[in-house]
Amino acid sequence: MATTTDEPLPLHELISRILAPEPSFQKPKGLLSGLGTMQALNQRLANQPLLDFINATLRGISQVIFVNNPLSGLLILAAMFIQSPWLGGMSLVGTASATLMAIALKANPGAIQNGLFGLNGMLVGAAMAFFGAFGNGAWNPVWAIAAIILSALTAVVMETVGTWFATRFRVAPLGIPFNGVMLTFLLLLAFVPQPFFDLGPPPPPFPAGAIDGFRLIQSLPIGLAQVFFSDKFVSVVLVVLGIAISTPIGAVVGLLGCAMYLLAGLLLGAKPDELYTGLWGYNAALTATAIGGVFYTPNRLSISIGLICAFLASIASILLAPLFSLLKLPVLSVPFAIVTIGCCLILQRSLPSLVPVVLHTVASPEEHRQRFRAAKETIASFRQQLRAALEGKQRNILFEQATAAIKGDLRYIFDAIDRDRSGFLSTQELATHLHQAGKVLSEGELTYLFNCMDRDGSGAIDFEEFGELMLRHQRLMSRYTEFVTYFLPIDVDADDAISMQEMNTALASLREPPLSEDEITFLQEQTGGQALTWNRFIEVLLLT
C-alpha cells in the first residue's frame, strides 16, 4: 500500500515486500536451555479467563524467585504443600487474592498474566502461614482472612507506589509491596493491643558449635528453598527443580548467591545452625539472581557484581536481624530490596556499559543471553563491513560466503524480476514485480529502494548487489526482535535517536571497541549529519 507522505517506508520494510518473511531467531533447544517463560501459553489462554487465572496464579508463585513459568509454579506450590499443607494453602490463597485484586483494579493485563502482582500476595500468604503457625497455630481462620486482605492490599501498593517507583527510577519495586504491607502489619501486632493475633514467644537462640563442612554444602539448596519458607528434603528438591526447568542459569546463580551467604556468615561468626537452615540465604539468592541474570544479561561481569551484592545482602541480613528484633520484627526480604535496588541505581550512573534489561522485556536469563548474542553477532558483522568500507574493499561479504544453494534461491528471485534477462534490474522491472505481487509502492519509495540496492550507482542492480542486500536483510530480520530488545535501554535520554556516545555504550556492553574517528565520520556522512533514529540505524546496518 502506497504511503501518503513524502517520507518513504523504512528500508527494511520495503525489502520485506520482495522477500518472504524469514523465521525468527530461534531460542536454543536442549536440556540446558530451559523451558523459558512459555509465552505461547499466555497467548493461547488469553481468551480463556479461568485457565488464564490459574496460569497467572502459578506464574505469580514462581515469580517470587524471578521465574515466569506456570510449570515451575506448580512444582514450587507442591513443595510448599509438602512442607506444610497450611503453608501451601495460605500461599495459594495469597497469590490468588492479589491476582484478583489486580484484575479488579484493571491493572496491566500482561503484568497480571505474568504473575507480577501475584508474587507479592504469595509472599504475604506464606509469611502469614509461617508466623500464624508459631502463634495461634495452623488453620486459624483469623490469619487466613488477614492473609486475603493483606495480599489484596499488596496489589494496590504495587499498582500505585510500585508503578510510580518503576517509572521514576527505572528499577523494579523489588519487595516494596510485600515488605511494606507485611512489616506494617507485624508492627501493629507488636505494639497495638488486640485479642486476635498471637505471634508466639520469640524463637530460642541458636546454640554454638563446630562447623560441619558437609552440612554447609547441604545448606546451599536449602537457602534457595527458604525463599518459599521450605527446608524439607523433598520440598528443597522440588523448588530447585522448579527453577532449573525454566532457567538453569537462574538456578546456578541462585545457588552461588547462597554460597555468598555462607561466606558472609563464616566471616561474621554466625552460629552453625543459622547457616545450616539457610535462614537468610534467600536474600542472597534473590539478590544474585536479580542482578546476575534477570535485570542484566548474564555474563561474567553481571554475575560477579550479583555475587558481590549477594555477599552484601548477606551481611545486611545478619546485621539487621538484631536491630529489627528490637522492634519485634523479622528482616523478611528487606536486605535483598535495599541492596538490589541500590545496586541498580548505582550501576545506572557508574557503569552504563552494563546495559540493563528494560523492565517490560524482562524474561529468563537464557533469553537475555540470546538477545545479547544476537546483538553481538549483528554488530560484529557490521564492524567488519564498516572496516571494509573505510578501506575501499569489496563489501559483498555475505554473498561471497553464501552456499551454492542460497545463491540459487537468490538467482530464482532475481530472474523473476529481471524480465528482459539482461542480468541487471531496472526501476521498471522492480516496479512491475512488486505490482504483480500486490505490493504497491509510491514513486518516491520505489526510487529510494532502487537507489539503496544500486550500491555502485551504475543505474542498474546486478545480481551480487541484489544478493548481498537480500542476505543482510534476511540475517537482520531473523533476529530483529532480539536485537531491538537488547538495544532499547541504549537510548538513555529517550529522544528516539542514538547518539555516538550511546552507540559507544552499546559497543562496550558487547565487548566491542569504541568507534574510531574515521568510523564516526563515515557514519555521519551516511546519515547526512541527521540524528541516527532507529530506522536510520537499521538502514546503516543494511547498507554499510
Protein backbone atom coordinates (compact mmCIF):
# COMPACT_ATOMS: atom_id res chain seq x y z
CA MET A 1 0.00 0.00 0.00
CA ALA A 2 1.47 3.32 -1.03
CA THR A 3 2.46 5.82 1.58
CA THR A 4 0.54 9.07 1.74
CA THR A 5 3.53 11.16 2.80
CA ASP A 6 6.78 12.20 1.16
CA GLU A 7 8.74 10.08 3.63
CA PRO A 8 9.28 6.53 2.28
CA LEU A 9 8.79 3.47 4.42
CA PRO A 10 11.93 2.24 6.23
CA LEU A 11 14.30 0.30 4.01
CA HIS A 12 13.87 -2.99 5.83
CA GLU A 13 10.10 -2.80 5.34
CA LEU A 14 10.50 -2.09 1.63
CA ILE A 15 12.87 -5.03 1.17
CA SER A 16 10.45 -7.30 3.04
CA ARG A 17 8.00 -6.74 0.18
CA ILE A 18 10.37 -8.56 -2.12
CA LEU A 19 11.28 -11.42 0.21
CA ALA A 20 9.17 -13.94 2.05
CA PRO A 21 9.40 -13.48 5.85
CA GLU A 22 12.31 -15.25 7.46
CA PRO A 23 11.78 -17.37 10.59
CA SER A 24 12.71 -15.58 13.81
CA PHE A 25 15.98 -16.22 15.55
CA GLN A 26 15.29 -19.41 17.47
CA LYS A 27 15.94 -19.99 21.15
CA PRO A 28 18.47 -22.77 21.64
CA LYS A 29 17.00 -26.16 22.38
CA GLY A 30 18.13 -28.81 24.79
CA LEU A 31 18.28 -29.55 28.48
CA LEU A 32 20.45 -26.57 29.36
CA SER A 33 18.19 -24.03 27.61
CA GLY A 34 15.25 -24.50 29.99
CA LEU A 35 11.57 -24.01 29.27
CA GLY A 36 11.85 -20.25 29.49
CA THR A 37 8.74 -18.19 30.12
CA MET A 38 6.29 -20.17 27.93
CA GLN A 39 4.78 -17.00 26.46
CA ALA A 40 2.99 -19.03 23.77
CA LEU A 41 0.81 -20.44 26.55
CA ASN A 42 -0.16 -16.92 27.59
CA GLN A 43 -1.32 -16.21 24.06
CA ARG A 44 -3.39 -19.39 23.90
CA LEU A 45 -5.07 -18.70 27.24
CA ALA A 46 -5.74 -15.01 26.67
CA ASN A 47 -9.43 -15.64 25.86
CA GLN A 48 -9.99 -18.33 28.49
CA PRO A 49 -10.44 -16.41 31.76
CA LEU A 50 -10.49 -19.33 34.22
CA LEU A 51 -7.47 -21.11 32.75
CA ASP A 52 -5.67 -17.81 32.35
CA PHE A 53 -6.30 -17.01 36.03
CA ILE A 54 -4.81 -20.39 37.03
CA ASN A 55 -1.87 -19.69 34.73
CA ALA A 56 -1.33 -16.22 36.25
CA THR A 57 -1.57 -17.62 39.79
CA LEU A 58 1.04 -20.31 39.14
CA ARG A 59 3.32 -17.77 37.47
CA GLY A 60 2.91 -15.50 40.49
CA ILE A 61 4.20 -18.27 42.75
CA SER A 62 7.33 -18.85 40.68
CA GLN A 63 7.87 -15.11 40.09
CA VAL A 64 8.93 -14.82 43.72
CA ILE A 65 12.35 -16.02 42.56
CA PHE A 66 12.12 -14.33 39.12
CA VAL A 67 10.89 -17.45 37.32
CA ASN A 68 7.98 -16.78 34.97
CA ASN A 69 6.73 -20.29 34.27
CA PRO A 70 3.47 -22.00 35.36
CA LEU A 71 5.04 -25.47 35.50
CA SER A 72 7.71 -24.11 37.81
CA GLY A 73 4.98 -22.52 39.90
CA LEU A 74 3.15 -25.85 40.13
CA LEU A 75 6.29 -27.65 41.34
CA ILE A 76 7.03 -24.94 43.89
CA LEU A 77 3.42 -24.99 45.11
CA ALA A 78 3.69 -28.76 45.56
CA ALA A 79 6.92 -28.20 47.52
CA MET A 80 5.15 -25.84 49.90
CA PHE A 81 2.23 -28.23 50.41
CA ILE A 82 4.74 -30.99 51.21
CA GLN A 83 6.49 -28.65 53.63
CA SER A 84 3.12 -27.88 55.25
CA PRO A 85 -0.44 -28.02 53.84
CA TRP A 86 -1.11 -24.84 55.84
CA LEU A 87 1.83 -23.11 54.13
CA GLY A 88 0.78 -24.30 50.68
CA GLY A 89 -2.85 -23.32 51.18
CA MET A 90 -2.08 -19.86 52.51
CA SER A 91 0.44 -19.23 49.71
CA LEU A 92 -2.12 -20.23 47.10
CA VAL A 93 -4.82 -18.07 48.70
CA GLY A 94 -2.48 -15.09 48.93
CA THR A 95 -1.40 -15.36 45.28
CA ALA A 96 -4.98 -15.72 44.06
CA SER A 97 -6.18 -12.81 46.21
CA ALA A 98 -3.52 -10.43 44.88
CA THR A 99 -4.18 -11.53 41.30
CA LEU A 100 -7.94 -10.98 41.67
CA MET A 101 -7.39 -7.52 43.15
CA ALA A 102 -5.11 -6.61 40.24
CA ILE A 103 -7.85 -7.70 37.83
CA ALA A 104 -10.39 -5.60 39.77
CA LEU A 105 -8.02 -2.61 39.57
CA LYS A 106 -7.76 -3.13 35.79
CA ALA A 107 -4.02 -3.22 36.07
CA ASN A 108 -1.80 -4.01 33.08
CA PRO A 109 -3.09 -7.34 31.68
CA GLY A 110 0.38 -8.52 30.72
CA ALA A 111 1.72 -7.84 34.21
CA ILE A 112 -1.21 -9.71 35.73
CA GLN A 113 -0.86 -12.66 33.36
CA ASN A 114 2.86 -12.96 34.04
CA GLY A 115 2.34 -13.08 37.80
CA LEU A 116 3.88 -9.72 38.72
CA PHE A 117 1.04 -8.92 41.12
CA GLY A 118 0.58 -12.45 42.44
CA LEU A 119 4.16 -12.78 43.68
CA ASN A 120 3.68 -10.24 46.50
CA GLY A 121 0.44 -11.93 47.52
CA MET A 122 2.19 -15.30 47.62
CA LEU A 123 4.87 -13.94 49.93
CA VAL A 124 2.26 -12.43 52.23
CA GLY A 125 0.32 -15.70 52.34
CA ALA A 126 3.44 -17.73 53.06
CA ALA A 127 4.66 -15.27 55.72
CA MET A 128 1.25 -15.25 57.41
CA ALA A 129 1.24 -19.04 57.45
CA PHE A 130 4.72 -19.09 58.98
CA PHE A 131 4.01 -16.56 61.73
CA GLY A 132 0.50 -17.83 62.34
CA ALA A 133 1.72 -21.38 62.91
CA PHE A 134 4.02 -20.17 65.72
CA GLY A 135 1.26 -18.10 67.29
CA ASN A 136 -2.40 -19.11 67.13
CA GLY A 137 -1.50 -22.32 65.31
CA ALA A 138 -2.12 -23.57 61.79
CA TRP A 139 -5.55 -23.38 60.18
CA ASN A 140 -6.63 -20.42 62.25
CA PRO A 141 -9.28 -18.58 60.18
CA VAL A 142 -8.27 -15.17 61.53
CA TRP A 143 -4.83 -15.47 59.95
CA ALA A 144 -6.36 -16.73 56.69
CA ILE A 145 -8.77 -13.79 56.46
CA ALA A 146 -5.95 -11.36 57.22
CA ALA A 147 -3.79 -13.00 54.56
CA ILE A 148 -6.52 -12.48 51.95
CA ILE A 149 -6.89 -8.80 52.86
CA LEU A 150 -3.17 -8.07 53.08
CA SER A 151 -2.41 -9.92 49.85
CA ALA A 152 -5.04 -7.88 48.04
CA LEU A 153 -3.50 -4.75 49.57
CA THR A 154 -0.11 -5.59 48.03
CA ALA A 155 -1.74 -5.39 44.59
CA VAL A 156 -2.96 -1.87 45.42
CA VAL A 157 0.53 -0.87 46.58
CA MET A 158 2.07 -2.45 43.50
CA GLU A 159 -0.28 -0.59 41.17
CA THR A 160 0.29 2.77 42.85
CA VAL A 161 3.62 3.03 44.67
CA GLY A 162 5.24 0.28 42.58
CA THR A 163 4.27 1.87 39.27
CA TRP A 164 5.49 5.27 40.42
CA PHE A 165 8.77 3.80 41.65
CA ALA A 166 9.46 1.89 38.41
CA THR A 167 8.62 4.95 36.29
CA ARG A 168 10.62 7.35 38.42
CA PHE A 169 13.75 5.28 38.95
CA ARG A 170 13.58 2.72 36.10
CA VAL A 171 14.06 -0.05 38.65
CA ALA A 172 11.55 -2.73 39.59
CA PRO A 173 9.89 -2.15 43.01
CA LEU A 174 11.59 -5.23 44.39
CA GLY A 175 9.87 -6.38 47.56
CA ILE A 176 8.41 -2.96 48.33
CA PRO A 177 4.73 -4.04 48.35
CA PHE A 178 5.37 -7.23 50.35
CA ASN A 179 7.79 -5.74 52.87
CA GLY A 180 5.77 -2.56 53.29
CA VAL A 181 2.47 -4.32 53.92
CA MET A 182 3.83 -7.18 56.00
CA LEU A 183 6.12 -5.13 58.24
CA THR A 184 3.36 -2.59 58.89
CA PHE A 185 1.01 -5.40 59.89
CA LEU A 186 3.55 -7.06 62.19
CA LEU A 187 4.47 -3.72 63.73
CA LEU A 188 0.82 -3.11 64.58
CA LEU A 189 0.54 -6.58 66.11
CA ALA A 190 3.62 -5.98 68.24
CA PHE A 191 2.61 -2.61 69.70
CA VAL A 192 -1.18 -2.34 69.46
CA PRO A 193 -3.09 -4.49 71.95
CA GLN A 194 -5.58 -6.82 70.28
CA PRO A 195 -7.04 -10.25 71.11
CA PHE A 196 -6.94 -11.92 67.69
CA PHE A 197 -3.36 -12.47 66.57
CA ASP A 198 -0.74 -14.19 68.69
CA LEU A 199 2.84 -14.16 67.37
CA GLY A 200 4.00 -16.66 69.96
CA PRO A 201 7.21 -16.49 72.00
CA PRO A 202 10.46 -15.42 70.31
CA PRO A 203 12.48 -18.33 68.95
CA PRO A 204 15.30 -19.60 71.18
CA PRO A 205 18.84 -18.53 70.28
CA PHE A 206 20.88 -20.83 68.10
CA PRO A 207 23.38 -22.93 70.05
CA ALA A 208 27.10 -22.54 69.46
CA GLY A 209 29.10 -25.40 67.97
CA ALA A 210 31.67 -26.52 65.45
CA ILE A 211 31.14 -26.08 61.72
CA ASP A 212 30.29 -29.21 59.73
CA GLY A 213 31.51 -28.79 56.13
CA PHE A 214 29.14 -31.38 54.68
CA ARG A 215 26.11 -29.73 56.25
CA LEU A 216 27.29 -26.39 54.89
CA ILE A 217 27.19 -27.79 51.36
CA GLN A 218 23.73 -29.24 52.01
CA SER A 219 22.53 -25.81 53.10
CA LEU A 220 23.09 -24.28 49.63
CA PRO A 221 19.86 -25.58 48.07
CA ILE A 222 18.08 -25.11 51.41
CA GLY A 223 18.86 -21.40 51.23
CA LEU A 224 17.21 -21.35 47.80
CA ALA A 225 14.12 -23.16 49.09
CA GLN A 226 13.87 -20.79 52.06
CA VAL A 227 12.61 -18.21 49.58
CA PHE A 228 9.42 -20.26 49.88
CA PHE A 229 9.73 -20.95 53.64
CA SER A 230 10.72 -24.57 52.94
CA ASP A 231 13.54 -26.76 54.24
CA LYS A 232 12.32 -30.37 53.99
CA PHE A 233 14.37 -32.52 51.63
CA VAL A 234 11.61 -33.23 49.09
CA SER A 235 10.46 -29.61 49.18
CA VAL A 236 14.00 -28.39 48.57
CA VAL A 237 14.40 -30.75 45.60
CA LEU A 238 11.11 -29.59 44.07
CA VAL A 239 11.98 -25.90 44.47
CA VAL A 240 15.40 -26.31 42.83
CA LEU A 241 13.85 -28.43 40.08
CA GLY A 242 11.09 -25.88 39.53
CA ILE A 243 13.67 -23.14 39.00
CA ALA A 244 16.01 -25.27 36.89
CA ILE A 245 13.39 -26.46 34.36
CA SER A 246 12.68 -22.85 33.45
CA THR A 247 16.12 -21.29 33.83
CA PRO A 248 19.20 -23.41 34.54
CA ILE A 249 21.25 -20.21 34.67
CA GLY A 250 18.92 -18.80 37.32
CA ALA A 251 19.24 -21.97 39.42
CA VAL A 252 23.05 -21.92 39.28
CA VAL A 253 23.31 -18.19 40.04
CA GLY A 254 20.85 -18.59 42.92
CA LEU A 255 22.95 -21.36 44.44
CA LEU A 256 26.07 -19.23 44.05
CA GLY A 257 24.23 -16.48 45.89
CA CYS A 258 23.58 -18.91 48.75
CA ALA A 259 27.32 -19.65 48.80
CA MET A 260 27.91 -15.91 49.32
CA TYR A 261 25.64 -16.09 52.36
CA LEU A 262 27.73 -18.92 53.80
CA LEU A 263 30.91 -16.94 53.19
CA ALA A 264 29.48 -13.87 54.90
CA GLY A 265 28.19 -15.97 57.79
CA LEU A 266 31.55 -17.63 58.33
CA LEU A 267 33.37 -14.30 58.23
CA LEU A 268 30.94 -12.72 60.71
CA GLY A 269 30.99 -15.70 63.03
CA ALA A 270 27.37 -16.80 62.52
CA LYS A 271 26.35 -19.84 64.52
CA PRO A 272 26.36 -23.15 62.64
CA ASP A 273 22.60 -23.74 62.77
CA GLU A 274 21.99 -20.28 61.32
CA LEU A 275 23.98 -21.37 58.30
CA TYR A 276 22.61 -24.92 58.04
CA THR A 277 18.99 -23.73 57.95
CA GLY A 278 19.69 -21.20 55.19
CA LEU A 279 17.86 -18.75 57.40
CA TRP A 280 18.81 -15.64 55.45
CA GLY A 281 20.29 -17.31 52.41
CA TYR A 282 17.17 -16.42 50.47
CA ASN A 283 18.13 -12.72 50.46
CA ALA A 284 21.49 -13.58 48.91
CA ALA A 285 19.89 -15.94 46.36
CA LEU A 286 17.34 -13.33 45.29
CA THR A 287 20.00 -10.61 45.01
CA ALA A 288 22.38 -12.73 42.93
CA THR A 289 19.61 -13.88 40.60
CA ALA A 290 18.17 -10.39 40.13
CA ILE A 291 21.47 -8.78 39.13
CA GLY A 292 23.21 -11.81 37.63
CA GLY A 293 20.62 -12.68 35.02
CA VAL A 294 17.17 -11.13 35.39
CA PHE A 295 17.65 -7.37 35.23
CA TYR A 296 21.01 -7.62 33.47
CA THR A 297 22.17 -10.03 30.79
CA PRO A 298 24.01 -12.90 32.47
CA ASN A 299 27.73 -12.61 31.76
CA ARG A 300 30.88 -12.65 33.83
CA LEU A 301 30.55 -9.01 34.84
CA SER A 302 26.87 -9.07 35.83
CA ILE A 303 27.20 -12.38 37.69
CA SER A 304 30.31 -11.14 39.52
CA ILE A 305 28.50 -7.95 40.58
CA GLY A 306 25.48 -10.03 41.52
CA LEU A 307 27.59 -12.24 43.80
CA ILE A 308 29.25 -9.23 45.42
CA CYS A 309 25.81 -7.79 46.09
CA ALA A 310 24.64 -11.18 47.40
CA PHE A 311 27.52 -11.05 49.86
CA LEU A 312 26.47 -7.54 50.92
CA ALA A 313 22.83 -8.64 51.27
CA SER A 314 24.01 -11.50 53.48
CA ILE A 315 25.94 -9.14 55.72
CA ALA A 316 22.92 -6.85 55.83
CA SER A 317 20.70 -9.80 56.80
CA ILE A 318 22.96 -10.77 59.69
CA LEU A 319 23.48 -7.20 60.91
CA LEU A 320 19.87 -6.05 60.55
CA ALA A 321 18.38 -9.05 62.37
CA PRO A 322 19.18 -7.81 65.92
CA LEU A 323 18.11 -4.27 65.03
CA PHE A 324 14.76 -5.44 63.68
CA SER A 325 14.31 -7.69 66.70
CA LEU A 326 14.27 -4.59 68.91
CA LEU A 327 11.03 -3.70 67.13
CA LYS A 328 9.90 -7.32 67.34
CA LEU A 329 10.13 -7.58 63.54
CA PRO A 330 11.73 -10.09 61.16
CA VAL A 331 14.00 -8.78 58.41
CA LEU A 332 11.92 -10.53 55.70
CA SER A 333 13.42 -9.57 52.30
CA VAL A 334 14.44 -6.04 53.29
CA PRO A 335 18.20 -6.72 52.78
CA PHE A 336 17.53 -8.00 49.28
CA ALA A 337 15.38 -4.98 48.39
CA ILE A 338 17.83 -2.41 49.77
CA VAL A 339 20.97 -3.92 48.24
CA THR A 340 19.48 -4.81 44.85
CA ILE A 341 17.66 -1.53 44.29
CA GLY A 342 20.70 0.40 45.49
CA CYS A 343 22.99 -1.59 43.19
CA CYS A 344 20.75 -0.99 40.16
CA LEU A 345 20.64 2.75 40.84
CA ILE A 346 24.42 2.92 41.25
CA LEU A 347 25.05 0.89 38.08
CA GLN A 348 22.82 3.21 36.06
CA ARG A 349 25.17 6.07 36.83
CA SER A 350 28.58 4.47 37.27
CA LEU A 351 28.63 1.60 34.77
CA PRO A 352 26.40 2.39 31.77
CA SER A 353 28.17 -0.27 29.68
CA LEU A 354 26.41 -2.89 31.81
CA VAL A 355 23.16 -2.42 29.91
CA PRO A 356 20.05 -3.22 31.98
CA VAL A 357 17.10 -5.12 30.62
CA VAL A 358 14.10 -2.85 30.04
CA LEU A 359 11.54 -3.79 32.69
CA HIS A 360 8.72 -4.65 30.29
CA THR A 361 11.02 -7.01 28.36
CA VAL A 362 12.32 -8.96 31.38
CA ALA A 363 12.25 -12.68 30.57
CA SER A 364 14.55 -15.55 31.56
CA PRO A 365 18.34 -15.24 31.83
CA GLU A 366 18.65 -17.60 28.86
CA GLU A 367 16.51 -15.32 26.71
CA HIS A 368 18.52 -12.28 27.79
CA ARG A 369 21.66 -14.16 26.85
CA GLN A 370 20.16 -14.94 23.44
CA ARG A 371 19.41 -11.27 22.86
CA PHE A 372 23.00 -10.45 23.78
CA ARG A 373 24.34 -12.98 21.27
CA ALA A 374 22.03 -11.69 18.53
CA ALA A 375 23.17 -8.11 19.14
CA LYS A 376 26.84 -9.09 19.35
CA GLU A 377 26.79 -11.10 16.12
CA THR A 378 24.98 -8.32 14.26
CA ILE A 379 27.29 -5.57 15.50
CA ALA A 380 30.44 -7.66 14.92
CA SER A 381 29.38 -8.21 11.31
CA PHE A 382 28.59 -4.50 10.97
CA ARG A 383 32.04 -3.54 12.23
CA GLN A 384 33.59 -5.92 9.70
CA GLN A 385 31.58 -4.31 6.91
CA LEU A 386 32.40 -0.84 8.21
CA ARG A 387 36.15 -1.53 8.18
CA ALA A 388 35.89 -2.91 4.66
CA ALA A 389 34.02 0.21 3.54
CA LEU A 390 36.65 2.51 5.05
CA GLU A 391 39.40 0.55 3.28
CA GLY A 392 37.53 0.69 -0.04
CA LYS A 393 37.37 -3.09 -0.29
CA GLN A 394 34.65 -5.30 -1.73
CA ARG A 395 31.74 -5.31 0.67
CA ASN A 396 29.62 -8.18 -0.69
CA ILE A 397 30.75 -10.28 2.27
CA LEU A 398 27.62 -12.31 2.85
CA PHE A 399 27.10 -13.01 -0.82
CA GLU A 400 30.65 -14.28 -1.20
CA GLN A 401 30.21 -16.57 1.80
CA ALA A 402 26.79 -17.87 0.72
CA THR A 403 26.41 -21.51 -0.33
CA ALA A 404 25.50 -22.52 -3.86
CA ALA A 405 22.00 -23.43 -2.67
CA ILE A 406 21.41 -19.98 -1.18
CA LYS A 407 22.75 -18.28 -4.29
CA GLY A 408 20.43 -20.49 -6.31
CA ASP A 409 17.44 -19.26 -4.31
CA LEU A 410 18.55 -15.67 -4.79
CA ARG A 411 19.04 -16.26 -8.51
CA TYR A 412 15.46 -17.54 -8.75
CA ILE A 413 14.13 -14.31 -7.21
CA PHE A 414 16.47 -12.15 -9.27
CA ASP A 415 15.49 -13.83 -12.54
CA ALA A 416 11.80 -13.48 -11.69
CA ILE A 417 12.32 -9.71 -11.51
CA ASP A 418 14.77 -9.49 -14.46
CA ARG A 419 12.13 -9.89 -17.18
CA ASP A 420 14.38 -8.91 -20.10
CA ARG A 421 17.14 -11.33 -18.95
CA SER A 422 19.74 -8.56 -19.16
CA GLY A 423 21.43 -9.60 -15.93
CA PHE A 424 20.52 -6.26 -14.39
CA LEU A 425 17.41 -4.92 -12.69
CA SER A 426 15.84 -1.65 -13.72
CA THR A 427 13.42 0.54 -11.82
CA GLN A 428 10.62 -0.52 -14.15
CA GLU A 429 11.30 -4.23 -13.64
CA LEU A 430 11.30 -3.73 -9.88
CA ALA A 431 8.02 -1.83 -10.06
CA THR A 432 6.41 -4.49 -12.30
CA HIS A 433 7.43 -7.32 -9.99
CA LEU A 434 6.11 -5.56 -6.89
CA HIS A 435 2.85 -4.67 -8.67
CA GLN A 436 2.30 -8.29 -9.69
CA ALA A 437 2.95 -9.37 -6.13
CA GLY A 438 0.33 -6.89 -4.90
CA LYS A 439 2.95 -4.71 -3.18
CA VAL A 440 2.25 -1.22 -4.45
CA LEU A 441 4.90 1.39 -3.68
CA SER A 442 4.84 5.11 -4.27
CA GLU A 443 7.24 6.56 -6.80
CA GLY A 444 9.35 8.02 -4.01
CA GLU A 445 9.55 4.66 -2.20
CA LEU A 446 10.44 2.84 -5.41
CA THR A 447 13.23 5.31 -6.19
CA TYR A 448 14.53 5.10 -2.64
CA LEU A 449 14.55 1.28 -2.71
CA PHE A 450 16.27 1.17 -6.11
CA ASN A 451 18.97 3.65 -5.09
CA CYS A 452 19.69 1.65 -1.92
CA MET A 453 20.06 -1.57 -3.92
CA ASP A 454 22.17 0.09 -6.62
CA ARG A 455 25.20 0.31 -4.35
CA ASP A 456 27.72 1.28 -7.04
CA GLY A 457 25.45 3.97 -8.52
CA SER A 458 25.56 2.46 -12.01
CA GLY A 459 21.85 2.95 -12.65
CA ALA A 460 21.18 -0.78 -12.63
CA ILE A 461 21.22 -3.52 -9.99
CA ASP A 462 23.42 -6.52 -10.66
CA PHE A 463 22.99 -9.95 -9.08
CA GLU A 464 25.70 -9.50 -6.43
CA GLU A 465 24.30 -6.15 -5.27
CA PHE A 466 20.85 -7.66 -5.06
CA GLY A 467 22.02 -10.81 -3.30
CA GLU A 468 24.15 -9.01 -0.71
CA LEU A 469 21.35 -6.70 0.38
CA MET A 470 18.80 -9.51 0.50
CA LEU A 471 21.12 -11.64 2.64
CA ARG A 472 21.83 -8.76 5.01
CA HIS A 473 18.12 -8.13 5.35
CA GLN A 474 17.31 -11.80 5.99
CA ARG A 475 20.00 -12.11 8.64
CA LEU A 476 19.00 -8.92 10.44
CA MET A 477 15.27 -9.64 10.32
CA SER A 478 15.78 -13.21 11.55
CA ARG A 479 16.97 -11.77 14.87
CA TYR A 480 15.27 -8.38 14.69
CA THR A 481 13.20 -8.72 17.87
CA GLU A 482 16.16 -9.88 19.96
CA PHE A 483 18.42 -7.18 18.51
CA VAL A 484 15.92 -4.36 19.04
CA THR A 485 15.05 -5.53 22.56
CA TYR A 486 18.70 -5.55 23.58
CA PHE A 487 19.20 -2.01 22.25
CA LEU A 488 16.09 -0.49 23.86
CA PRO A 489 17.90 0.73 27.03
CA ILE A 490 20.66 2.39 24.98
CA ASP A 491 18.54 5.49 24.30
CA VAL A 492 19.05 6.82 27.82
CA ASP A 493 17.71 10.33 27.12
CA ALA A 494 14.59 8.87 25.39
CA ASP A 495 14.94 11.17 22.36
CA ASP A 496 14.28 8.31 19.89
CA ALA A 497 17.75 8.73 18.45
CA ILE A 498 21.08 7.02 19.09
CA SER A 499 23.96 9.39 19.74
CA MET A 500 27.54 8.38 19.10
CA GLN A 501 28.09 8.27 22.87
CA GLU A 502 25.12 5.92 23.26
CA MET A 503 26.45 3.83 20.38
CA ASN A 504 29.81 3.51 22.14
CA THR A 505 27.99 2.47 25.32
CA ALA A 506 26.25 -0.27 23.34
CA LEU A 507 29.54 -1.38 21.82
CA ALA A 508 31.19 -1.50 25.24
CA SER A 509 28.37 -3.68 26.55
CA LEU A 510 29.01 -6.08 23.66
CA ARG A 511 32.76 -6.04 24.36
CA GLU A 512 33.46 -4.20 21.10
CA PRO A 513 35.97 -1.32 20.88
CA PRO A 514 34.52 2.21 20.61
CA LEU A 515 34.01 3.88 17.26
CA SER A 516 37.14 5.40 15.79
CA GLU A 517 37.21 8.93 14.42
CA ASP A 518 37.11 7.55 10.88
CA GLU A 519 34.12 5.36 11.69
CA ILE A 520 32.25 8.27 13.28
CA THR A 521 32.96 10.46 10.26
CA PHE A 522 31.78 7.71 7.90
CA LEU A 523 28.53 7.18 9.86
CA GLN A 524 27.85 10.91 9.95
CA GLU A 525 28.30 11.04 6.18
CA GLN A 526 25.96 8.08 5.78
CA THR A 527 23.27 9.81 7.83
CA GLY A 528 23.83 13.23 6.29
CA GLY A 529 24.53 14.65 9.73
CA GLN A 530 20.96 13.84 10.84
CA ALA A 531 20.01 12.15 14.09
CA LEU A 532 20.51 8.38 13.99
CA THR A 533 16.92 7.26 14.52
CA TRP A 534 16.18 3.56 14.90
CA ASN A 535 15.05 3.12 11.27
CA ARG A 536 18.09 5.09 10.10
CA PHE A 537 20.30 2.85 12.23
CA ILE A 538 18.81 -0.26 10.61
CA GLU A 539 19.41 1.29 7.20
CA VAL A 540 23.07 1.92 8.06
CA LEU A 541 23.42 -1.70 9.18
CA LEU A 542 21.99 -2.87 5.86
CA LEU A 543 23.87 -0.54 3.54
CA THR A 544 27.32 -0.22 5.11
